[in-house]
Amino acid sequence: MTDVEDVLSTAAGWQAAGEQVAIATVTETWGSSPRPAGSRMAVTKSGKMAGSVSGGCIEGAVAEVAQQVMASGAPKLLDFGVTNERAWEVGLACGGKVKVFVEPLT
């Protein structure tokens, strides 16, 4: 089983147990990115997380948006880009851009 399948299986299990779940998927990267396009992270309303879309501050921001997406039901496309000077602060080791699509699991 791949990492993506593990995240989706975990998310499905959480949903089957009655949890509200959102899925975040890396849709595009440019420059340096710790996780490639297609990487996924699942987040529950109660705060459980599985998988990874980047690391650093980006995952915290994605988890916050996942809570909003579960509450509203409306998906969001997030665009993170940093300069080389700020790259280490937010977890993108050499700068770059990452786009992450966050959607409720229904």
Protein backbone atom coordinates (compact mmCIF):
# COMPACT_ATOMS: atom_id res chain seq x y z
CA MET A 1 0.00 0.00 0.00
CA THR A 2 1.34 3.47 -0.85
CA ASP A 3 1.45 6.44 1.52
CA VAL A 4 -1.50 8.02 -0.33
CA GLU A 5 -3.53 4.81 0.01
CA ASP A 6 -2.68 4.65 3.72
CA VAL A 7 -3.94 8.21 4.25
CA LEU A 8 -7.14 7.54 2.32
CA SER A 9 -7.71 4.25 4.17
CA THR A 10 -7.15 5.97 7.49
CA ALA A 11 -9.54 8.78 6.50
CA ALA A 12 -12.18 6.28 5.41
CA GLY A 13 -11.84 4.48 8.74
CA TRP A 14 -12.24 7.72 10.67
CA GLN A 15 -15.30 8.62 8.60
CA ALA A 16 -16.81 5.16 9.13
CA ALA A 17 -16.34 5.71 12.88
CA GLY A 18 -18.41 8.89 12.67
CA GLU A 19 -15.66 11.52 12.35
CA GLN A 20 -15.91 14.50 10.00
CA VAL A 21 -12.84 14.40 7.72
CA ALA A 22 -11.12 16.71 5.24
CA ILE A 23 -8.47 15.69 2.73
CA ALA A 24 -5.62 17.98 1.69
CA THR A 25 -3.77 17.15 -1.54
CA VAL A 26 -0.61 18.75 -2.94
CA THR A 27 -1.67 19.70 -6.47
CA GLU A 28 1.43 21.55 -7.65
CA THR A 29 4.97 22.34 -6.54
CA TRP A 30 7.62 24.65 -7.90
CA GLY A 31 11.22 24.78 -6.73
CA SER A 32 11.98 23.00 -3.49
CA SER A 33 9.18 21.10 -1.79
CA PRO A 34 9.50 18.41 0.88
CA ARG A 35 6.48 16.51 -0.51
CA PRO A 36 5.66 15.89 -4.20
CA ALA A 37 2.38 16.58 -5.97
CA GLY A 38 -0.16 13.94 -5.02
CA SER A 39 0.90 13.84 -1.35
CA ARG A 40 -2.07 13.83 1.01
CA MET A 41 -2.99 14.65 4.57
CA ALA A 42 -6.26 13.81 6.32
CA VAL A 43 -7.61 15.92 9.18
CA THR A 44 -10.60 15.22 11.42
CA LYS A 45 -12.92 17.64 13.19
CA SER A 46 -11.50 16.35 16.49
CA GLY A 47 -7.94 17.18 15.36
CA LYS A 48 -6.49 13.83 14.29
CA MET A 49 -4.07 14.00 11.36
CA ALA A 50 -2.51 11.44 9.04
CA GLY A 51 -0.10 11.92 6.16
CA SER A 52 1.83 15.01 5.16
CA VAL A 53 1.63 17.81 2.62
CA SER A 54 4.83 19.64 3.55
CA GLY A 55 5.82 20.10 7.16
CA GLY A 56 6.64 23.22 9.10
CA CYS A 57 4.06 25.99 9.35
CA ILE A 58 2.32 24.94 6.16
CA GLU A 59 0.76 21.83 7.72
CA GLY A 60 -0.57 23.87 10.63
CA ALA A 61 -2.17 26.32 8.21
CA VAL A 62 -3.61 23.47 6.14
CA ALA A 63 -5.08 21.85 9.28
CA GLU A 64 -6.74 25.17 10.21
CA VAL A 65 -8.26 25.52 6.74
CA ALA A 66 -9.39 21.87 6.90
CA GLN A 67 -11.46 22.78 9.97
CA GLN A 68 -13.06 25.66 8.02
CA VAL A 69 -13.71 23.42 5.02
CA MET A 70 -15.43 20.81 7.20
CA ALA A 71 -17.61 23.52 8.77
CA SER A 72 -18.59 25.16 5.47
CA GLY A 73 -18.51 22.21 3.09
CA ALA A 74 -16.72 24.42 0.54
CA PRO A 75 -13.30 23.25 -0.74
CA LYS A 76 -10.35 25.66 -0.90
CA LEU A 77 -7.18 25.88 -2.97
CA LEU A 78 -4.26 27.17 -0.91
CA ASP A 79 -1.17 28.72 -2.47
CA PHE A 80 2.01 28.88 -0.38
CA GLY A 81 5.07 30.62 -1.75
CA VAL A 82 8.12 31.87 0.10
CA THR A 83 11.34 33.64 -0.64
CA ASN A 84 14.63 31.87 -0.04
CA GLU A 85 15.16 34.15 2.98
CA ARG A 86 11.97 32.91 4.73
CA ALA A 87 12.07 29.33 3.43
CA TRP A 88 13.45 27.65 6.58
CA GLU A 89 10.90 29.42 8.80
CA VAL A 90 7.95 27.77 7.08
CA GLY A 91 9.47 24.40 6.22
CA LEU A 92 10.36 24.86 2.53
CA ALA A 93 14.08 24.24 2.74
CA CYS A 94 15.13 26.12 -0.42
CA GLY A 95 12.19 28.35 -1.23
CA GLY A 96 9.57 27.35 -3.73
CA LYS A 97 5.82 27.13 -4.02
CA VAL A 98 3.22 24.57 -3.00
CA LYS A 99 -0.46 24.48 -3.91
CA VAL A 100 -2.75 22.40 -1.70
CA PHE A 101 -6.40 21.56 -2.39
CA VAL A 102 -8.46 20.99 0.77
CA GLU A 103 -11.86 19.31 0.50
CA PRO A 104 -14.35 17.70 2.85
CA LEU A 105 -14.61 13.92 2.62
CA THR A 106 -18.23 13.13 1.87
